[in-house]
Amino acid sequence: MEFKFLMPTKVLLGVGCVAGNKEEFGKLGQKALIVTGRNSAKASGALADVTTVLDEQAIVWELFDQIEENPTFAVVEAGGAAARRFKPDMIIAIGGGSPLDAAKAIAVLAVNFISASEL
């Protein structure tokens, strides 16, 4: 058996990297779902950094800020439903492991009509 897998990844990191690379967002589409927790992205300013750039790039965005530590199936399914309803071109996760992992599951649920437990 032979298996090949290609997953090109671009990582941008550093102070001011969101604003300094705002053209990258426009390459991904015109609608973004932002997935994050209830407080830290707002408190840290990260949410404002992202939404400012999205607004500058004329990208319509919606916020899903219900991710808690160790997200439940119900929260991930709610995020998937929000994504299906909004139909974003991209999903942007802001935060630590829980928002990042939840955003990946939400992206899968956005285009596959299965439950989180099936996933």
PDB file of N, CA and C in Angstrom:
ATOM      1  N   MET A   1       0.835  -1.170   0.000  1.00  0.00           N
ATOM      2  CA  MET A   1       0.000   0.000   0.000  1.00  0.00           C
ATOM      3  C   MET A   1       0.884   1.239   0.000  1.00  0.00           C
ATOM      4  N   GLU A   2       0.463   2.241  -0.737  1.00  0.00           N
ATOM      5  CA  GLU A   2       1.200   3.496  -0.784  1.00  0.00           C
ATOM      6  C   GLU A   2       0.266   4.623  -0.357  1.00  0.00           C
ATOM      7  N   PHE A   3       0.793   5.537   0.419  1.00  0.00           N
ATOM      8  CA  PHE A   3       0.004   6.662   0.885  1.00  0.00           C
ATOM      9  C   PHE A   3       0.837   7.919   0.755  1.00  0.00           C
ATOM     10  N   LYS A   4       0.282   8.932   0.132  1.00  0.00           N
ATOM     11  CA  LYS A   4       0.958  10.221   0.007  1.00  0.00           C
ATOM     12  C   LYS A   4       0.062  11.292   0.590  1.00  0.00           C
ATOM     13  N   PHE A   5       0.679  12.231   1.277  1.00  0.00           N
ATOM     14  CA  PHE A   5      -0.070  13.284   1.929  1.00  0.00           C
ATOM     15  C   PHE A   5       0.700  14.584   1.803  1.00  0.00           C
ATOM     16  N   LEU A   6       0.055  15.607   1.284  1.00  0.00           N
ATOM     17  CA  LEU A   6       0.673  16.922   1.174  1.00  0.00           C
ATOM     18  C   LEU A   6      -0.220  17.921   1.897  1.00  0.00           C
ATOM     19  N   MET A   7       0.346  18.615   2.832  1.00  0.00           N
ATOM     20  CA  MET A   7      -0.420  19.610   3.564  1.00  0.00           C
ATOM     21  C   MET A   7       0.442  20.858   3.733  1.00  0.00           C
ATOM     22  N   PRO A   8       0.468  21.694   2.692  1.00  0.00           N
ATOM     23  CA  PRO A   8       1.284  22.900   2.814  1.00  0.00           C
ATOM     24  C   PRO A   8       0.722  23.829   3.889  1.00  0.00           C
ATOM     25  N   THR A   9       1.599  24.322   4.698  1.00  0.00           N
ATOM     26  CA  THR A   9       1.192  25.170   5.813  1.00  0.00           C
ATOM     27  C   THR A   9       2.056  26.421   5.832  1.00  0.00           C
ATOM     28  N   LYS A  10       1.407  27.539   6.023  1.00  0.00           N
ATOM     29  CA  LYS A  10       2.133  28.796   6.185  1.00  0.00           C
ATOM     30  C   LYS A  10       1.892  29.259   7.608  1.00  0.00           C
ATOM     31  N   VAL A  11       2.947  29.493   8.337  1.00  0.00           N
ATOM     32  CA  VAL A  11       2.844  29.966   9.712  1.00  0.00           C
ATOM     33  C   VAL A  11       3.417  31.375   9.765  1.00  0.00           C
ATOM     34  N   LEU A  12       2.620  32.296  10.257  1.00  0.00           N
ATOM     35  CA  LEU A  12       3.054  33.682  10.424  1.00  0.00           C
ATOM     36  C   LEU A  12       3.051  33.968  11.916  1.00  0.00           C
ATOM     37  N   LEU A  13       4.144  34.495  12.422  1.00  0.00           N
ATOM     38  CA  LEU A  13       4.239  34.659  13.855  1.00  0.00           C
ATOM     39  C   LEU A  13       5.081  35.855  14.202  1.00  0.00           C
ATOM     40  N   GLY A  14       4.722  36.508  15.284  1.00  0.00           N
ATOM     41  CA  GLY A  14       5.479  37.661  15.742  1.00  0.00           C
ATOM     42  C   GLY A  14       4.574  38.836  16.058  1.00  0.00           C
ATOM     43  N   VAL A  15       5.145  39.826  16.700  1.00  0.00           N
ATOM     44  CA  VAL A  15       4.403  41.026  17.057  1.00  0.00           C
ATOM     45  C   VAL A  15       3.943  41.719  15.775  1.00  0.00           C
ATOM     46  N   GLY A  16       2.645  42.000  15.717  1.00  0.00           N
ATOM     47  CA  GLY A  16       2.100  42.708  14.562  1.00  0.00           C
ATOM     48  C   GLY A  16       1.912  41.856  13.324  1.00  0.00           C
ATOM     49  N   CYS A  17       1.996  40.529  13.460  1.00  0.00           N
ATOM     50  CA  CYS A  17       1.940  39.671  12.268  1.00  0.00           C
ATOM     51  C   CYS A  17       0.572  39.684  11.598  1.00  0.00           C
ATOM     52  N   VAL A  18      -0.498  39.896  12.339  1.00  0.00           N
ATOM     53  CA  VAL A  18      -1.832  39.933  11.723  1.00  0.00           C
ATOM     54  C   VAL A  18      -1.931  41.155  10.814  1.00  0.00           C
ATOM     55  N   ALA A  19      -1.647  42.326  11.348  1.00  0.00           N
ATOM     56  CA  ALA A  19      -1.726  43.558  10.557  1.00  0.00           C
ATOM     57  C   ALA A  19      -0.691  43.564   9.440  1.00  0.00           C
ATOM     58  N   GLY A  20       0.472  43.016   9.711  1.00  0.00           N
ATOM     59  CA  GLY A  20       1.540  43.014   8.715  1.00  0.00           C
ATOM     60  C   GLY A  20       1.321  42.050   7.559  1.00  0.00           C
ATOM     61  N   ASN A  21       0.366  41.160   7.699  1.00  0.00           N
ATOM     62  CA  ASN A  21       0.089  40.170   6.649  1.00  0.00           C
ATOM     63  C   ASN A  21      -1.391  40.154   6.268  1.00  0.00           C
ATOM     64  N   LYS A  22      -2.035  41.299   6.352  1.00  0.00           N
ATOM     65  CA  LYS A  22      -3.481  41.355   6.140  1.00  0.00           C
ATOM     66  C   LYS A  22      -3.903  40.886   4.763  1.00  0.00           C
ATOM     67  N   GLU A  23      -3.043  41.008   3.769  1.00  0.00           N
ATOM     68  CA  GLU A  23      -3.402  40.555   2.417  1.00  0.00           C
ATOM     69  C   GLU A  23      -3.616  39.044   2.352  1.00  0.00           C
ATOM     70  N   GLU A  24      -3.055  38.304   3.288  1.00  0.00           N
ATOM     71  CA  GLU A  24      -3.225  36.854   3.320  1.00  0.00           C
ATOM     72  C   GLU A  24      -4.690  36.469   3.551  1.00  0.00           C
ATOM     73  N   PHE A  25      -5.399  37.269   4.351  1.00  0.00           N
ATOM     74  CA  PHE A  25      -6.808  36.973   4.627  1.00  0.00           C
ATOM     75  C   PHE A  25      -7.646  37.074   3.359  1.00  0.00           C
ATOM     76  N   GLY A  26      -7.410  38.106   2.576  1.00  0.00           N
ATOM     77  CA  GLY A  26      -8.160  38.307   1.347  1.00  0.00           C
ATOM     78  C   GLY A  26      -7.983  37.190   0.339  1.00  0.00           C
ATOM     79  N   LYS A  27      -6.860  36.505   0.392  1.00  0.00           N
ATOM     80  CA  LYS A  27      -6.612  35.378  -0.517  1.00  0.00           C
ATOM     81  C   LYS A  27      -7.498  34.179  -0.196  1.00  0.00           C
ATOM     82  N   LEU A  28      -8.041  34.152   1.015  1.00  0.00           N
ATOM     83  CA  LEU A  28      -8.830  33.001   1.461  1.00  0.00           C
ATOM     84  C   LEU A  28     -10.324  33.157   1.231  1.00  0.00           C
ATOM     85  N   GLY A  29     -10.778  34.355   0.910  1.00  0.00           N
ATOM     86  CA  GLY A  29     -12.198  34.544   0.644  1.00  0.00           C
ATOM     87  C   GLY A  29     -12.718  35.843   1.205  1.00  0.00           C
ATOM     88  N   GLN A  30     -14.048  35.949   1.255  1.00  0.00           N
ATOM     89  CA  GLN A  30     -14.695  37.190   1.665  1.00  0.00           C
ATOM     90  C   GLN A  30     -15.602  37.057   2.888  1.00  0.00           C
ATOM     91  N   LYS A  31     -15.639  35.855   3.483  1.00  0.00           N
ATOM     92  CA  LYS A  31     -16.451  35.647   4.695  1.00  0.00           C
ATOM     93  C   LYS A  31     -15.658  34.806   5.683  1.00  0.00           C
ATOM     94  N   ALA A  32     -15.616  35.253   6.933  1.00  0.00           N
ATOM     95  CA  ALA A  32     -14.847  34.547   7.961  1.00  0.00           C
ATOM     96  C   ALA A  32     -15.686  34.301   9.203  1.00  0.00           C
ATOM     97  N   LEU A  33     -15.612  33.086   9.714  1.00  0.00           N
ATOM     98  CA  LEU A  33     -16.169  32.770  11.022  1.00  0.00           C
ATOM     99  C   LEU A  33     -15.009  32.764  11.999  1.00  0.00           C
ATOM    100  N   ILE A  34     -15.107  33.583  13.051  1.00  0.00           N
ATOM    101  CA  ILE A  34     -14.072  33.642  14.072  1.00  0.00           C
ATOM    102  C   ILE A  34     -14.519  32.779  15.249  1.00  0.00           C
ATOM    103  N   VAL A  35     -13.691  31.825  15.625  1.00  0.00           N
ATOM    104  CA  VAL A  35     -13.988  30.899  16.720  1.00  0.00           C
ATOM    105  C   VAL A  35     -13.032  31.192  17.868  1.00  0.00           C
ATOM    106  N   THR A  36     -13.608  31.449  19.039  1.00  0.00           N
ATOM    107  CA  THR A  36     -12.784  31.760  20.195  1.00  0.00           C
ATOM    108  C   THR A  36     -13.572  31.509  21.482  1.00  0.00           C
ATOM    109  N   GLY A  37     -12.894  31.678  22.597  1.00  0.00           N
ATOM    110  CA  GLY A  37     -13.554  31.592  23.891  1.00  0.00           C
ATOM    111  C   GLY A  37     -14.291  32.876  24.205  1.00  0.00           C
ATOM    112  N   ARG A  38     -14.867  32.929  25.378  1.00  0.00           N
ATOM    113  CA  ARG A  38     -15.713  34.067  25.737  1.00  0.00           C
ATOM    114  C   ARG A  38     -14.936  35.338  26.082  1.00  0.00           C
ATOM    115  N   ASN A  39     -13.713  35.207  26.622  1.00  0.00           N
ATOM    116  CA  ASN A  39     -13.051  36.397  27.164  1.00  0.00           C
ATOM    117  C   ASN A  39     -11.636  36.678  26.691  1.00  0.00           C
ATOM    118  N   SER A  40     -10.780  35.680  26.639  1.00  0.00           N
ATOM    119  CA  SER A  40      -9.341  35.945  26.481  1.00  0.00           C
ATOM    120  C   SER A  40      -8.982  36.648  25.180  1.00  0.00           C
ATOM    121  N   ALA A  41      -9.638  36.313  24.081  1.00  0.00           N
ATOM    122  CA  ALA A  41      -9.314  36.965  22.803  1.00  0.00           C
ATOM    123  C   ALA A  41      -9.661  38.452  22.850  1.00  0.00           C
ATOM    124  N   LYS A  42     -10.731  38.767  23.554  1.00  0.00           N
ATOM    125  CA  LYS A  42     -11.112  40.177  23.713  1.00  0.00           C
ATOM    126  C   LYS A  42     -10.141  40.874  24.650  1.00  0.00           C
ATOM    127  N   ALA A  43      -9.862  40.249  25.780  1.00  0.00           N
ATOM    128  CA  ALA A  43      -8.999  40.864  26.790  1.00  0.00           C
ATOM    129  C   ALA A  43      -7.577  41.076  26.278  1.00  0.00           C
ATOM    130  N   SER A  44      -7.081  40.159  25.475  1.00  0.00           N
ATOM    131  CA  SER A  44      -5.707  40.262  24.980  1.00  0.00           C
ATOM    132  C   SER A  44      -5.566  41.230  23.815  1.00  0.00           C
ATOM    133  N   GLY A  45      -6.682  41.574  23.182  1.00  0.00           N
ATOM    134  CA  GLY A  45      -6.626  42.441  22.008  1.00  0.00           C
ATOM    135  C   GLY A  45      -6.510  41.669  20.708  1.00  0.00           C
ATOM    136  N   ALA A  46      -6.360  40.356  20.793  1.00  0.00           N
ATOM    137  CA  ALA A  46      -6.202  39.541  19.584  1.00  0.00           C
ATOM    138  C   ALA A  46      -7.446  39.607  18.697  1.00  0.00           C
ATOM    139  N   LEU A  47      -8.616  39.598  19.310  1.00  0.00           N
ATOM    140  CA  LEU A  47      -9.848  39.674  18.524  1.00  0.00           C
ATOM    141  C   LEU A  47      -9.909  40.995  17.764  1.00  0.00           C
ATOM    142  N   ALA A  48      -9.593  42.086  18.431  1.00  0.00           N
ATOM    143  CA  ALA A  48      -9.598  43.396  17.776  1.00  0.00           C
ATOM    144  C   ALA A  48      -8.577  43.453  16.641  1.00  0.00           C
ATOM    145  N   ASP A  49      -7.411  42.844  16.838  1.00  0.00           N
ATOM    146  CA  ASP A  49      -6.403  42.801  15.766  1.00  0.00           C
ATOM    147  C   ASP A  49      -6.970  42.137  14.518  1.00  0.00           C
ATOM    148  N   VAL A  50      -7.635  40.997  14.719  1.00  0.00           N
ATOM    149  CA  VAL A  50      -8.171  40.237  13.584  1.00  0.00           C
ATOM    150  C   VAL A  50      -9.342  40.963  12.947  1.00  0.00           C
ATOM    151  N   THR A  51     -10.287  41.441  13.746  1.00  0.00           N
ATOM    152  CA  THR A  51     -11.465  42.090  13.153  1.00  0.00           C
ATOM    153  C   THR A  51     -11.104  43.397  12.449  1.00  0.00           C
ATOM    154  N   THR A  52     -10.109  44.103  12.949  1.00  0.00           N
ATOM    155  CA  THR A  52      -9.653  45.326  12.277  1.00  0.00           C
ATOM    156  C   THR A  52      -9.145  45.001  10.878  1.00  0.00           C
ATOM    157  N   VAL A  53      -8.328  43.963  10.778  1.00  0.00           N
ATOM    158  CA  VAL A  53      -7.789  43.561   9.476  1.00  0.00           C
ATOM    159  C   VAL A  53      -8.899  43.064   8.559  1.00  0.00           C
ATOM    160  N   LEU A  54      -9.818  42.276   9.091  1.00  0.00           N
ATOM    161  CA  LEU A  54     -10.924  41.797   8.264  1.00  0.00           C
ATOM    162  C   LEU A  54     -11.746  42.964   7.734  1.00  0.00           C
ATOM    163  N   ASP A  55     -12.036  43.934   8.588  1.00  0.00           N
ATOM    164  CA  ASP A  55     -12.783  45.111   8.156  1.00  0.00           C
ATOM    165  C   ASP A  55     -12.014  45.876   7.077  1.00  0.00           C
ATOM    166  N   GLU A  56     -10.719  46.047   7.260  1.00  0.00           N
ATOM    167  CA  GLU A  56      -9.895  46.742   6.259  1.00  0.00           C
ATOM    168  C   GLU A  56      -9.886  46.022   4.921  1.00  0.00           C
ATOM    169  N   GLN A  57      -9.979  44.710   4.965  1.00  0.00           N
ATOM    170  CA  GLN A  57      -9.968  43.900   3.744  1.00  0.00           C
ATOM    171  C   GLN A  57     -11.388  43.674   3.188  1.00  0.00           C
ATOM    172  N   ALA A  58     -12.378  44.321   3.790  1.00  0.00           N
ATOM    173  CA  ALA A  58     -13.792  44.196   3.389  1.00  0.00           C
ATOM    174  C   ALA A  58     -14.260  42.743   3.447  1.00  0.00           C
ATOM    175  N   ILE A  59     -13.796  42.032   4.472  1.00  0.00           N
ATOM    176  CA  ILE A  59     -14.206  40.645   4.693  1.00  0.00           C
ATOM    177  C   ILE A  59     -15.296  40.647   5.757  1.00  0.00           C
ATOM    178  N   VAL A  60     -16.439  40.101   5.401  1.00  0.00           N
ATOM    179  CA  VAL A  60     -17.562  40.001   6.331  1.00  0.00           C
ATOM    180  C   VAL A  60     -17.218  38.916   7.342  1.00  0.00           C
ATOM    181  N   TRP A  61     -17.470  39.179   8.621  1.00  0.00           N
ATOM    182  CA  TRP A  61     -17.132  38.185   9.641  1.00  0.00           C
ATOM    183  C   TRP A  61     -18.263  38.028  10.641  1.00  0.00           C
ATOM    184  N   GLU A  62     -18.260  36.866  11.265  1.00  0.00           N
ATOM    185  CA  GLU A  62     -19.201  36.556  12.338  1.00  0.00           C
ATOM    186  C   GLU A  62     -18.398  35.931  13.463  1.00  0.00           C
ATOM    187  N   LEU A  63     -18.788  36.215  14.691  1.00  0.00           N
ATOM    188  CA  LEU A  63     -18.065  35.729  15.867  1.00  0.00           C
ATOM    189  C   LEU A  63     -18.827  34.583  16.529  1.00  0.00           C
ATOM    190  N   PHE A  64     -18.117  33.473  16.754  1.00  0.00           N
ATOM    191  CA  PHE A  64     -18.636  32.370  17.563  1.00  0.00           C
ATOM    192  C   PHE A  64     -17.713  32.269  18.772  1.00  0.00           C
ATOM    193  N   ASP A  65     -18.130  32.856  19.893  1.00  0.00           N
ATOM    194  CA  ASP A  65     -17.265  32.964  21.078  1.00  0.00           C
ATOM    195  C   ASP A  65     -17.773  32.131  22.249  1.00  0.00           C
ATOM    196  N   GLN A  66     -18.254  30.941  21.956  1.00  0.00           N
ATOM    197  CA  GLN A  66     -18.823  30.090  22.998  1.00  0.00           C
ATOM    198  C   GLN A  66     -17.907  28.939  23.424  1.00  0.00           C
ATOM    199  N   ILE A  67     -16.677  28.928  22.964  1.00  0.00           N
ATOM    200  CA  ILE A  67     -15.784  27.815  23.261  1.00  0.00           C
ATOM    201  C   ILE A  67     -15.298  27.900  24.704  1.00  0.00           C
ATOM    202  N   GLU A  68     -15.514  26.821  25.421  1.00  0.00           N
ATOM    203  CA  GLU A  68     -15.039  26.739  26.798  1.00  0.00           C
ATOM    204  C   GLU A  68     -13.859  25.763  26.859  1.00  0.00           C
ATOM    205  N   GLU A  69     -13.225  25.708  28.005  1.00  0.00           N
ATOM    206  CA  GLU A  69     -12.149  24.739  28.199  1.00  0.00           C
ATOM    207  C   GLU A  69     -12.733  23.340  28.026  1.00  0.00           C
ATOM    208  N   ASN A  70     -12.060  22.497  27.266  1.00  0.00           N
ATOM    209  CA  ASN A  70     -12.547  21.155  26.947  1.00  0.00           C
ATOM    210  C   ASN A  70     -13.970  21.223  26.376  1.00  0.00           C
ATOM    211  N   PRO A  71     -14.113  21.762  25.170  1.00  0.00           N
ATOM    212  CA  PRO A  71     -15.438  21.996  24.585  1.00  0.00           C
ATOM    213  C   PRO A  71     -16.286  20.725  24.515  1.00  0.00           C
ATOM    214  N   THR A  72     -17.563  20.903  24.764  1.00  0.00           N
ATOM    215  CA  THR A  72     -18.503  19.786  24.717  1.00  0.00           C
ATOM    216  C   THR A  72     -18.956  19.545  23.276  1.00  0.00           C
ATOM    217  N   PHE A  73     -19.546  18.373  23.054  1.00  0.00           N
ATOM    218  CA  PHE A  73     -20.135  18.082  21.746  1.00  0.00           C
ATOM    219  C   PHE A  73     -21.169  19.143  21.384  1.00  0.00           C
ATOM    220  N   ALA A  74     -21.981  19.540  22.361  1.00  0.00           N
ATOM    221  CA  ALA A  74     -23.050  20.509  22.105  1.00  0.00           C
ATOM    222  C   ALA A  74     -22.498  21.839  21.591  1.00  0.00           C
ATOM    223  N   VAL A  75     -21.416  22.310  22.184  1.00  0.00           N
ATOM    224  CA  VAL A  75     -20.828  23.586  21.756  1.00  0.00           C
ATOM    225  C   VAL A  75     -20.241  23.456  20.356  1.00  0.00           C
ATOM    226  N   VAL A  76     -19.554  22.365  20.091  1.00  0.00           N
ATOM    227  CA  VAL A  76     -18.962  22.160  18.767  1.00  0.00           C
ATOM    228  C   VAL A  76     -20.068  22.028  17.715  1.00  0.00           C
ATOM    229  N   GLU A  77     -21.148  21.330  18.054  1.00  0.00           N
ATOM    230  CA  GLU A  77     -22.266  21.209  17.116  1.00  0.00           C
ATOM    231  C   GLU A  77     -22.924  22.570  16.877  1.00  0.00           C
ATOM    232  N   ALA A  78     -23.027  23.395  17.906  1.00  0.00           N
ATOM    233  CA  ALA A  78     -23.567  24.749  17.736  1.00  0.00           C
ATOM    234  C   ALA A  78     -22.673  25.566  16.808  1.00  0.00           C
ATOM    235  N   GLY A  79     -21.375  25.401  16.954  1.00  0.00           N
ATOM    236  CA  GLY A  79     -20.441  26.080  16.054  1.00  0.00           C
ATOM    237  C   GLY A  79     -20.573  25.589  14.626  1.00  0.00           C
ATOM    238  N   GLY A  80     -20.738  24.291  14.452  1.00  0.00           N
ATOM    239  CA  GLY A  80     -20.949  23.734  13.115  1.00  0.00           C
ATOM    240  C   GLY A  80     -22.221  24.271  12.488  1.00  0.00           C
ATOM    241  N   ALA A  81     -23.285  24.378  13.288  1.00  0.00           N
ATOM    242  CA  ALA A  81     -24.548  24.933  12.790  1.00  0.00           C
ATOM    243  C   ALA A  81     -24.374  26.405  12.398  1.00  0.00           C
ATOM    244  N   ALA A  82     -23.623  27.153  13.212  1.00  0.00           N
ATOM    245  CA  ALA A  82     -23.358  28.562  12.893  1.00  0.00           C
ATOM    246  C   ALA A  82     -22.591  28.679  11.586  1.00  0.00           C
ATOM    247  N   ALA A  83     -21.639  27.795  11.381  1.00  0.00           N
ATOM    248  CA  ALA A  83     -20.859  27.813  10.143  1.00  0.00           C
ATOM    249  C   ALA A  83     -21.719  27.431   8.939  1.00  0.00           C
ATOM    250  N   ARG A  84     -22.574  26.429   9.090  1.00  0.00           N
ATOM    251  CA  ARG A  84     -23.464  26.053   7.979  1.00  0.00           C
ATOM    252  C   ARG A  84     -24.394  27.200   7.619  1.00  0.00           C
ATOM    253  N   ARG A  85     -24.898  27.894   8.627  1.00  0.00           N
ATOM    254  CA  ARG A  85     -25.816  29.014   8.411  1.00  0.00           C
ATOM    255  C   ARG A  85     -25.093  30.195   7.747  1.00  0.00           C
ATOM    256  N   PHE A  86     -23.896  30.525   8.223  1.00  0.00           N
ATOM    257  CA  PHE A  86     -23.149  31.695   7.747  1.00  0.00           C
ATOM    258  C   PHE A  86     -22.409  31.437   6.425  1.00  0.00           C
ATOM    259  N   LYS A  87     -22.008  30.179   6.197  1.00  0.00           N
ATOM    260  CA  LYS A  87     -21.282  29.775   4.991  1.00  0.00           C
ATOM    261  C   LYS A  87     -19.966  30.567   4.779  1.00  0.00           C
ATOM    262  N   PRO A  88     -19.064  30.492   5.754  1.00  0.00           N
ATOM    263  CA  PRO A  88     -17.805  31.233   5.616  1.00  0.00           C
ATOM    264  C   PRO A  88     -16.856  30.576   4.620  1.00  0.00           C
ATOM    265  N   ASP A  89     -15.979  31.388   4.068  1.00  0.00           N
ATOM    266  CA  ASP A  89     -14.893  30.882   3.223  1.00  0.00           C
ATOM    267  C   ASP A  89     -13.723  30.410   4.075  1.00  0.00           C
ATOM    268  N   MET A  90     -13.642  30.938   5.285  1.00  0.00           N
ATOM    269  CA  MET A  90     -12.534  30.601   6.177  1.00  0.00           C
ATOM    270  C   MET A  90     -13.021  30.586   7.614  1.00  0.00           C
ATOM    271  N   ILE A  91     -12.340  29.817   8.439  1.00  0.00           N
ATOM    272  CA  ILE A  91     -12.598  29.811   9.874  1.00  0.00           C
ATOM    273  C   ILE A  91     -11.297  30.211  10.548  1.00  0.00           C
ATOM    274  N   ILE A  92     -11.382  31.232  11.380  1.00  0.00           N
ATOM    275  CA  ILE A  92     -10.208  31.755  12.074  1.00  0.00           C
ATOM    276  C   ILE A  92     -10.363  31.436  13.556  1.00  0.00           C
ATOM    277  N   ALA A  93      -9.423  30.693  14.112  1.00  0.00           N
ATOM    278  CA  ALA A  93      -9.437  30.368  15.538  1.00  0.00           C
ATOM    279  C   ALA A  93      -8.485  31.297  16.270  1.00  0.00           C
ATOM    280  N   ILE A  94      -8.943  31.829  17.385  1.00  0.00           N
ATOM    281  CA  ILE A  94      -8.099  32.684  18.225  1.00  0.00           C
ATOM    282  C   ILE A  94      -8.097  32.089  19.622  1.00  0.00           C
ATOM    283  N   GLY A  95      -6.929  31.781  20.127  1.00  0.00           N
ATOM    284  CA  GLY A  95      -6.836  31.272  21.484  1.00  0.00           C
ATOM    285  C   GLY A  95      -5.878  30.109  21.584  1.00  0.00           C
ATOM    286  N   GLY A  96      -6.073  29.339  22.627  1.00  0.00           N
ATOM    287  CA  GLY A  96      -5.220  28.188  22.886  1.00  0.00           C
ATOM    288  C   GLY A  96      -5.793  26.924  22.277  1.00  0.00           C
ATOM    289  N   GLY A  97      -5.484  25.804  22.916  1.00  0.00           N
ATOM    290  CA  GLY A  97      -5.847  24.502  22.378  1.00  0.00           C
ATOM    291  C   GLY A  97      -7.331  24.283  22.186  1.00  0.00           C
ATOM    292  N   SER A  98      -8.150  24.724  23.122  1.00  0.00           N
ATOM    293  CA  SER A  98      -9.591  24.485  23.001  1.00  0.00           C
ATOM    294  C   SER A  98     -10.197  25.193  21.802  1.00  0.00           C
ATOM    295  N   PRO A  99      -9.966  26.499  21.601  1.00  0.00           N
ATOM    296  CA  PRO A  99     -10.505  27.141  20.408  1.00  0.00           C
ATOM    297  C   PRO A  99      -9.920  26.570  19.107  1.00  0.00           C
ATOM    298  N   LEU A 100      -8.633  26.238  19.118  1.00  0.00           N
ATOM    299  CA  LEU A 100      -8.026  25.693  17.896  1.00  0.00           C
ATOM    300  C   LEU A 100      -8.617  24.330  17.552  1.00  0.00           C
ATOM    301  N   ASP A 101      -8.725  23.457  18.533  1.00  0.00           N
ATOM    302  CA  ASP A 101      -9.297  22.128  18.288  1.00  0.00           C
ATOM    303  C   ASP A 101     -10.774  22.227  17.929  1.00  0.00           C
ATOM    304  N   ALA A 102     -11.507  23.079  18.628  1.00  0.00           N
ATOM    305  CA  ALA A 102     -12.935  23.246  18.333  1.00  0.00           C
ATOM    306  C   ALA A 102     -13.132  23.782  16.917  1.00  0.00           C
ATOM    307  N   ALA A 103     -12.299  24.720  16.501  1.00  0.00           N
ATOM    308  CA  ALA A 103     -12.424  25.289  15.155  1.00  0.00           C
ATOM    309  C   ALA A 103     -12.215  24.222  14.081  1.00  0.00           C
ATOM    310  N   LYS A 104     -11.292  23.307  14.323  1.00  0.00           N
ATOM    311  CA  LYS A 104     -11.078  22.220  13.349  1.00  0.00           C
ATOM    312  C   LYS A 104     -12.316  21.338  13.256  1.00  0.00           C
ATOM    313  N   ALA A 105     -12.904  21.013  14.388  1.00  0.00           N
ATOM    314  CA  ALA A 105     -14.120  20.195  14.378  1.00  0.00           C
ATOM    315  C   ALA A 105     -15.282  20.965  13.748  1.00  0.00           C
ATOM    316  N   ILE A 106     -15.396  22.240  14.049  1.00  0.00           N
ATOM    317  CA  ILE A 106     -16.454  23.074  13.476  1.00  0.00           C
ATOM    318  C   ILE A 106     -16.315  23.124  11.958  1.00  0.00           C
ATOM    319  N   ALA A 107     -15.092  23.221  11.457  1.00  0.00           N
ATOM    320  CA  ALA A 107     -14.874  23.244  10.009  1.00  0.00           C
ATOM    321  C   ALA A 107     -15.354  21.948   9.364  1.00  0.00           C
ATOM    322  N   VAL A 108     -15.105  20.825  10.003  1.00  0.00           N
ATOM    323  CA  VAL A 108     -15.563  19.537   9.474  1.00  0.00           C
ATOM    324  C   VAL A 108     -17.086  19.462   9.524  1.00  0.00           C
ATOM    325  N   LEU A 109     -17.663  19.876  10.648  1.00  0.00           N
ATOM    326  CA  LEU A 109     -19.116  19.814  10.801  1.00  0.00           C
ATOM    327  C   LEU A 109     -19.840  20.802   9.895  1.00  0.00           C
ATOM    328  N   ALA A 110     -19.153  21.856   9.472  1.00  0.00           N
ATOM    329  CA  ALA A 110     -19.766  22.852   8.592  1.00  0.00           C
ATOM    330  C   ALA A 110     -20.145  22.263   7.234  1.00  0.00           C
ATOM    331  N   VAL A 111     -19.409  21.250   6.810  1.00  0.00           N
ATOM    332  CA  VAL A 111     -19.640  20.714   5.457  1.00  0.00           C
ATOM    333  C   VAL A 111     -20.004  19.239   5.458  1.00  0.00           C
ATOM    334  N   ASN A 112     -20.126  18.640   6.623  1.00  0.00           N
ATOM    335  CA  ASN A 112     -20.523  17.231   6.742  1.00  0.00           C
ATOM    336  C   ASN A 112     -21.676  17.146   7.733  1.00  0.00           C
ATOM    337  N   PHE A 113     -22.758  16.577   7.315  1.00  0.00           N
ATOM    338  CA  PHE A 113     -23.948  16.515   8.171  1.00  0.00           C
ATOM    339  C   PHE A 113     -23.899  15.280   9.058  1.00  0.00           C
ATOM    340  N   ILE A 114     -22.992  15.380  10.045  1.00  0.00           N
ATOM    341  CA  ILE A 114     -22.837  14.311  11.039  1.00  0.00           C
ATOM    342  C   ILE A 114     -22.831  14.976  12.407  1.00  0.00           C
ATOM    343  N   SER A 115     -22.981  14.182  13.431  1.00  0.00           N
ATOM    344  CA  SER A 115     -22.920  14.748  14.783  1.00  0.00           C
ATOM    345  C   SER A 115     -21.465  14.822  15.248  1.00  0.00           C
ATOM    346  N   ALA A 116     -21.235  15.633  16.251  1.00  0.00           N
ATOM    347  CA  ALA A 116     -19.877  15.732  16.803  1.00  0.00           C
ATOM    348  C   ALA A 116     -19.421  14.382  17.344  1.00  0.00           C
ATOM    349  N   SER A 117     -20.335  13.616  17.918  1.00  0.00           N
ATOM    350  CA  SER A 117     -19.940  12.325  18.460  1.00  0.00           C
ATOM    351  C   SER A 117     -19.550  11.351  17.347  1.00  0.00           C
ATOM    352  N   GLU A 118     -20.161  11.468  16.173  1.00  0.00           N
ATOM    353  CA  GLU A 118     -19.756  10.637  15.036  1.00  0.00           C
ATOM    354  C   GLU A 118     -18.384  11.029  14.539  1.00  0.00           C
ATOM    355  N   LEU A 119     -18.091  12.320  14.599  1.00  0.00           N
ATOM    356  CA  LEU A 119     -16.792  12.816  14.167  1.00  0.00           C
ATOM    357  C   LEU A 119     -15.716  12.289  15.084  1.00  0.00           C
TER     358      LEU A 119
END
